[in-house]
Amino acid sequence: MKAILVTGGNGQLGTELQRCAWPDGYEVVAIDVADLDLTDTAAIAAKVAAGHNGREWAAVINGAAYTAVDKAESDVVAAWAVNAMAPAAFGEACAKANIPLVQVSTDYVFAGDKQGAWEVDDPVAPLGVYGASKLGGELAVRTSGARHVIVRTAWVVSAHGNNFVKTMLRVGAERDMLTVVEDQHGTPTSAADLAQALMTITVRLVEDEAAPTGTFHFSNAGPTTWAGFAREIFAQSADRGGASAEVKGIPTSDYPTPARRPANSLLSHAAIGAAYGIQPRPWQDALSDILDELIGDTQMENRS
């Protein structure tokens, strides 16, 4: 049995990695903060070295992160501990165990000032502590000596945890009109689709020593804005008999936050398509699956 260690087990991505249909012979062992303190690099090293049920881990997927973007601006040490030093510890431990490491990163490593989608080798220039700490994690993994894949993603949503879809449905049930930023561009990412991509990559790394390594991007396909995303959420929700609200687009300047956000978070899928044959589906289709889980299948309702 090939055991895959997954961090962030209670988060959106960790939940979906456990729900994936892994190939026969694979076992996902998902852990969270109660199982492993990611600020304790010695504990990380021991966890990787110990293996699982008397066998070495087959691979590690580090999906855990300090994701409180605004809080990170005043909580610098904690953000760097989880987002940079923990990946450094995982990288060193995986190199010693000779097992692959899959590290999840973010669009926030970019400044967001480019026209068009960001390529994997575009210059990085994070705007704040969160992005800088995640970039630190990338650099630590790259220099660790571990065989690795880094997957950057953006705007992750699901039927679980706290995210933009669930917030819009909750607030939309309370108000008739919402104001949402319309000058930040990107593509939503279904945690389930991201998990599927990570599973594909991880299995390949485990079974093929020559599998592609390096940095890749994954999100769903198609550009939008936060306001455009909100409008689609309410349109699809209304079709299912759920919450609906009018969305008024506003500029970022009307919604100040402690941390600056990238104005453009669009990620190119060229590298992940070429290396792993992964072609993300449209974000609207992925959103439909999430709303089916949260509200119900509109087609089933129409047939009843």
Protein backbone atom coordinates (compact mmCIF):
# COMPACT_ATOMS: atom_id res chain seq x y z
CA MET A 1 0.00 0.00 0.00
CA LYS A 2 1.40 3.40 -1.02
CA ALA A 3 0.62 5.95 1.69
CA ILE A 4 0.39 9.64 0.75
CA LEU A 5 0.84 12.14 3.58
CA VAL A 6 -1.49 15.12 3.11
CA THR A 7 -1.29 18.22 5.31
CA GLY A 8 -4.19 20.60 5.79
CA GLY A 9 -6.53 17.63 6.02
CA ASN A 10 -9.47 19.63 7.37
CA GLY A 11 -9.21 22.37 4.75
CA GLN A 12 -10.92 22.65 1.39
CA LEU A 13 -8.14 20.96 -0.55
CA GLY A 14 -7.39 18.34 2.10
CA THR A 15 -11.06 17.39 2.24
CA GLU A 16 -11.22 16.96 -1.53
CA LEU A 17 -7.96 14.99 -1.68
CA GLN A 18 -9.56 12.49 0.69
CA ARG A 19 -12.65 12.31 -1.51
CA CYS A 20 -10.69 11.62 -4.71
CA ALA A 21 -10.86 8.18 -6.31
CA TRP A 22 -7.20 7.28 -5.84
CA PRO A 23 -5.91 4.25 -7.77
CA ASP A 24 -5.92 0.85 -6.09
CA GLY A 25 -2.99 0.46 -3.77
CA TYR A 26 -2.97 4.08 -2.60
CA GLU A 27 -3.96 5.36 0.82
CA VAL A 28 -4.36 9.02 1.78
CA VAL A 29 -3.33 9.87 5.33
CA ALA A 30 -4.61 13.40 5.97
CA ILE A 31 -3.42 15.31 9.02
CA ASP A 32 -4.16 18.77 10.41
CA VAL A 33 -2.90 21.09 13.13
CA ALA A 34 -4.05 18.74 15.89
CA ASP A 35 -1.81 16.02 14.43
CA LEU A 36 1.26 18.05 13.47
CA ASP A 37 2.43 21.54 14.49
CA LEU A 38 3.71 23.06 11.28
CA THR A 39 5.76 25.60 13.22
CA ASP A 40 7.80 22.70 14.68
CA THR A 41 10.33 21.79 12.01
CA ALA A 42 11.74 18.94 14.10
CA ALA A 43 8.27 17.41 14.37
CA ILE A 44 7.86 17.68 10.60
CA ALA A 45 11.16 15.89 10.03
CA ALA A 46 10.16 13.16 12.47
CA LYS A 47 6.73 12.72 10.86
CA VAL A 48 8.21 12.21 7.41
CA ALA A 49 11.00 9.95 8.67
CA ALA A 50 8.60 7.75 10.66
CA GLY A 51 6.56 6.70 7.61
CA HIS A 52 3.21 4.97 8.00
CA ASN A 53 2.46 1.50 9.38
CA GLY A 54 6.06 0.40 9.11
CA ARG A 55 6.56 1.66 5.56
CA GLU A 56 8.03 4.81 4.11
CA TRP A 57 5.65 7.42 2.80
CA ALA A 58 5.24 7.25 -0.97
CA ALA A 59 4.91 11.04 -1.26
CA VAL A 60 3.94 14.18 0.65
CA ILE A 61 1.37 16.75 -0.48
CA ASN A 62 1.77 19.93 1.56
CA GLY A 63 -1.59 21.63 1.17
CA ALA A 64 -1.53 23.39 4.54
CA ALA A 65 -0.90 27.12 4.67
CA TYR A 66 -1.33 30.30 6.66
CA THR A 67 -4.02 31.81 4.43
CA ALA A 68 -5.26 34.80 6.47
CA VAL A 69 -3.96 37.29 3.90
CA ASP A 70 -4.80 40.46 5.83
CA LYS A 71 -3.83 39.13 9.26
CA ALA A 72 -0.45 38.08 7.85
CA GLU A 73 0.50 41.74 7.47
CA SER A 74 0.72 42.02 11.27
CA ASP A 75 1.53 38.36 12.00
CA VAL A 76 4.67 38.06 9.94
CA VAL A 77 6.56 35.42 11.92
CA ALA A 78 3.61 33.01 12.06
CA ALA A 79 2.95 33.38 8.32
CA TRP A 80 6.59 32.71 7.46
CA ALA A 81 6.79 29.80 9.89
CA VAL A 82 3.92 27.94 8.22
CA ASN A 83 4.32 29.10 4.64
CA ALA A 84 8.12 29.05 4.30
CA MET A 85 9.84 27.17 7.12
CA ALA A 86 7.40 24.24 7.08
CA PRO A 87 7.92 23.65 3.34
CA ALA A 88 11.67 23.90 3.98
CA ALA A 89 11.38 21.17 6.61
CA PHE A 90 9.23 19.00 4.36
CA GLY A 91 11.65 19.49 1.49
CA GLU A 92 14.67 18.49 3.57
CA ALA A 93 12.85 15.48 5.04
CA CYS A 94 11.57 14.32 1.65
CA ALA A 95 15.05 14.63 0.17
CA LYS A 96 16.46 12.46 2.96
CA ALA A 97 13.68 9.88 2.48
CA ASN A 98 14.03 10.05 -1.32
CA ILE A 99 10.31 10.65 -1.83
CA PRO A 100 8.56 13.32 -3.91
CA LEU A 101 7.02 16.47 -2.43
CA VAL A 102 4.05 18.30 -3.95
CA GLN A 103 3.86 21.86 -2.61
CA VAL A 104 0.78 24.04 -3.13
CA SER A 105 1.45 27.74 -3.75
CA THR A 106 -0.43 30.82 -4.88
CA ASP A 107 -0.94 33.53 -7.47
CA TYR A 108 0.04 36.02 -4.75
CA VAL A 109 3.70 35.45 -5.61
CA PHE A 110 3.03 37.74 -8.59
CA ALA A 111 2.54 41.52 -8.52
CA GLY A 112 -0.64 41.22 -10.60
CA ASP A 113 0.43 43.95 -13.03
CA LYS A 114 0.67 41.85 -16.19
CA GLN A 115 -1.80 41.82 -19.06
CA GLY A 116 -2.86 38.24 -19.78
CA ALA A 117 -2.23 35.02 -17.92
CA TRP A 118 0.87 34.53 -15.78
CA GLU A 119 3.31 31.92 -17.04
CA VAL A 120 5.21 29.72 -14.61
CA ASP A 121 8.52 31.46 -15.34
CA ASP A 122 7.26 35.05 -15.18
CA PRO A 123 9.04 37.31 -12.67
CA VAL A 124 7.70 37.10 -9.12
CA ALA A 125 7.14 40.20 -6.98
CA PRO A 126 4.71 39.59 -4.09
CA LEU A 127 2.80 42.60 -2.78
CA GLY A 128 2.56 41.53 0.86
CA VAL A 129 3.54 39.15 3.63
CA TYR A 130 1.32 36.27 2.52
CA GLY A 131 2.68 36.20 -1.03
CA ALA A 132 6.25 36.72 0.15
CA SER A 133 6.00 33.88 2.67
CA LYS A 134 4.53 31.52 0.05
CA LEU A 135 7.35 32.48 -2.32
CA GLY A 136 9.76 31.68 0.51
CA GLY A 137 8.19 28.24 0.67
CA GLU A 138 8.67 27.77 -3.06
CA LEU A 139 12.34 28.73 -2.85
CA ALA A 140 12.87 26.41 0.11
CA VAL A 141 11.36 23.46 -1.75
CA ARG A 142 13.33 24.20 -4.92
CA THR A 143 16.63 24.27 -3.05
CA SER A 144 15.89 21.32 -0.73
CA GLY A 145 17.14 18.61 -3.05
CA ALA A 146 13.77 16.86 -2.97
CA ARG A 147 12.15 15.72 -6.20
CA HIS A 148 9.23 18.12 -6.24
CA VAL A 149 6.33 19.75 -8.00
CA ILE A 150 5.05 23.19 -6.98
CA VAL A 151 1.49 23.97 -8.06
CA ARG A 152 0.31 27.56 -7.88
CA THR A 153 -3.43 28.14 -7.71
CA ALA A 154 -5.91 30.97 -7.06
CA TRP A 155 -9.41 31.76 -5.81
CA VAL A 156 -10.05 28.31 -4.31
CA VAL A 157 -13.69 27.47 -3.53
CA SER A 158 -15.69 24.39 -2.58
CA ALA A 159 -18.73 23.21 -0.67
CA HIS A 160 -16.57 23.04 2.47
CA GLY A 161 -14.99 25.50 4.88
CA ASN A 162 -14.97 29.26 4.41
CA ASN A 163 -14.77 30.61 0.88
CA PHE A 164 -16.24 33.15 -1.52
CA VAL A 165 -19.11 30.96 -2.78
CA LYS A 166 -20.39 30.18 0.69
CA THR A 167 -19.99 33.80 1.79
CA MET A 168 -21.98 35.08 -1.20
CA LEU A 169 -24.78 32.59 -0.58
CA ARG A 170 -24.93 33.54 3.10
CA VAL A 171 -24.87 37.31 2.55
CA GLY A 172 -27.13 37.06 -0.50
CA ALA A 173 -29.78 35.42 1.66
CA GLU A 174 -29.72 38.48 3.91
CA ARG A 175 -29.47 41.37 1.40
CA ASP A 176 -30.98 42.28 -1.95
CA MET A 177 -27.86 44.05 -3.24
CA LEU A 178 -24.15 43.51 -2.66
CA THR A 179 -21.06 45.48 -3.65
CA VAL A 180 -18.16 43.36 -4.93
CA VAL A 181 -14.78 44.33 -6.36
CA GLU A 182 -14.77 44.38 -10.17
CA ASP A 183 -11.21 45.41 -11.04
CA GLN A 184 -9.46 42.28 -9.77
CA HIS A 185 -9.28 39.64 -12.50
CA GLY A 186 -8.73 35.91 -12.15
CA THR A 187 -10.26 32.46 -12.39
CA PRO A 188 -11.99 30.56 -9.59
CA THR A 189 -10.58 27.15 -8.74
CA SER A 190 -12.67 24.23 -7.56
CA ALA A 191 -10.86 22.51 -4.70
CA ALA A 192 -12.17 19.22 -6.10
CA ASP A 193 -10.63 19.90 -9.52
CA LEU A 194 -7.37 21.01 -7.93
CA ALA A 195 -7.31 17.83 -5.83
CA GLN A 196 -7.82 15.73 -8.96
CA ALA A 197 -4.89 17.48 -10.63
CA LEU A 198 -2.68 16.98 -7.58
CA MET A 199 -3.64 13.31 -7.43
CA THR A 200 -2.68 12.87 -11.10
CA ILE A 201 0.67 14.56 -10.50
CA THR A 202 1.42 12.70 -7.27
CA VAL A 203 0.67 9.25 -8.70
CA ARG A 204 2.89 9.99 -11.69
CA LEU A 205 5.73 11.15 -9.42
CA VAL A 206 5.44 8.00 -7.31
CA GLU A 207 5.34 5.62 -10.24
CA ASP A 208 7.70 7.33 -12.68
CA GLU A 209 11.13 8.55 -11.58
CA ALA A 210 11.29 10.55 -14.81
CA ALA A 211 7.98 12.36 -14.23
CA PRO A 212 8.15 16.12 -14.89
CA THR A 213 9.15 18.24 -11.91
CA GLY A 214 9.22 22.00 -11.31
CA THR A 215 6.53 24.66 -11.11
CA PHE A 216 3.06 24.52 -12.65
CA HIS A 217 -0.19 26.47 -12.50
CA PHE A 218 -3.69 25.13 -11.96
CA SER A 219 -7.02 26.93 -11.82
CA ASN A 220 -10.24 26.38 -13.67
CA ALA A 221 -10.52 27.90 -17.14
CA GLY A 222 -11.86 31.28 -18.19
CA PRO A 223 -11.39 34.84 -16.91
CA THR A 224 -13.73 36.77 -14.66
CA THR A 225 -13.72 39.29 -11.80
CA TRP A 226 -14.90 38.89 -8.23
CA ALA A 227 -18.08 40.74 -9.15
CA GLY A 228 -18.55 38.56 -12.25
CA PHE A 229 -18.01 35.49 -10.11
CA ALA A 230 -20.63 36.69 -7.64
CA ARG A 231 -23.17 37.30 -10.41
CA GLU A 232 -22.71 33.78 -11.73
CA ILE A 233 -23.04 32.34 -8.23
CA PHE A 234 -26.39 34.08 -7.78
CA ALA A 235 -27.59 33.18 -11.29
CA GLN A 236 -26.88 29.49 -10.73
CA SER A 237 -28.19 29.65 -7.16
CA ALA A 238 -31.47 31.19 -8.32
CA ASP A 239 -31.89 28.34 -10.83
CA ARG A 240 -31.76 25.98 -7.86
CA GLY A 241 -34.16 27.99 -5.74
CA GLY A 242 -31.34 29.36 -3.59
CA ALA A 243 -30.21 32.85 -2.62
CA SER A 244 -30.12 35.60 -5.21
CA ALA A 245 -28.97 39.21 -5.03
CA GLU A 246 -28.02 42.09 -7.31
CA VAL A 247 -24.26 42.65 -7.55
CA LYS A 248 -22.85 46.16 -7.95
CA GLY A 249 -19.24 46.26 -9.08
CA ILE A 250 -16.87 48.58 -7.22
CA PRO A 251 -13.15 49.43 -7.58
CA THR A 252 -10.59 48.00 -5.17
CA SER A 253 -10.06 51.52 -3.83
CA ASP A 254 -13.60 51.43 -2.40
CA TYR A 255 -12.80 48.28 -0.40
CA PRO A 256 -9.48 48.94 1.38
CA THR A 257 -7.79 46.00 3.13
CA PRO A 258 -4.52 45.71 5.08
CA ALA A 259 -2.98 43.56 2.34
CA ARG A 260 -2.82 44.52 -1.33
CA ARG A 261 -4.36 42.01 -3.75
CA PRO A 262 -3.04 41.26 -7.26
CA ALA A 263 -5.14 43.04 -9.88
CA ASN A 264 -4.57 40.13 -12.27
CA SER A 265 -4.48 36.56 -10.95
CA LEU A 266 -5.03 34.76 -14.25
CA LEU A 267 -2.78 31.70 -14.45
CA SER A 268 -1.59 30.04 -17.66
CA HIS A 269 -2.20 26.30 -17.92
CA ALA A 270 0.30 25.74 -20.74
CA ALA A 271 2.96 24.07 -18.58
CA ILE A 272 0.68 21.67 -16.71
CA GLY A 273 -1.03 20.73 -19.96
CA ALA A 274 2.25 19.99 -21.72
CA ALA A 275 3.78 18.05 -18.82
CA TYR A 276 0.79 16.19 -17.38
CA GLY A 277 -1.97 16.48 -19.99
CA ILE A 278 -4.17 18.35 -17.50
CA GLN A 279 -6.72 20.63 -19.19
CA PRO A 280 -8.92 22.44 -16.63
CA ARG A 281 -12.64 22.76 -17.33
CA PRO A 282 -14.53 26.12 -17.28
CA TRP A 283 -15.00 27.60 -13.82
CA GLN A 284 -18.75 27.91 -14.42
CA ASP A 285 -19.04 24.11 -14.73
CA ALA A 286 -16.99 23.61 -11.57
CA LEU A 287 -19.19 26.12 -9.74
CA SER A 288 -22.26 24.17 -10.83
CA ASP A 289 -20.95 21.05 -9.09
CA ILE A 290 -20.30 23.01 -5.90
CA LEU A 291 -23.81 24.48 -5.91
CA ASP A 292 -25.29 21.05 -6.62
CA GLU A 293 -23.70 19.96 -3.35
CA LEU A 294 -24.67 23.06 -1.39
CA ILE A 295 -28.19 23.65 -2.72
CA GLY A 296 -29.20 20.77 -4.96
CA ASP A 297 -29.15 19.65 -8.58
CA THR A 298 -31.38 22.02 -10.59
CA GLN A 299 -31.94 19.34 -13.24
CA MET A 300 -33.19 16.92 -10.61
CA GLU A 301 -35.46 19.62 -9.20
CA ASN A 302 -36.84 20.39 -12.65
CA ARG A 303 -37.63 16.71 -13.22
CA SER A 304 -39.47 16.36 -9.91
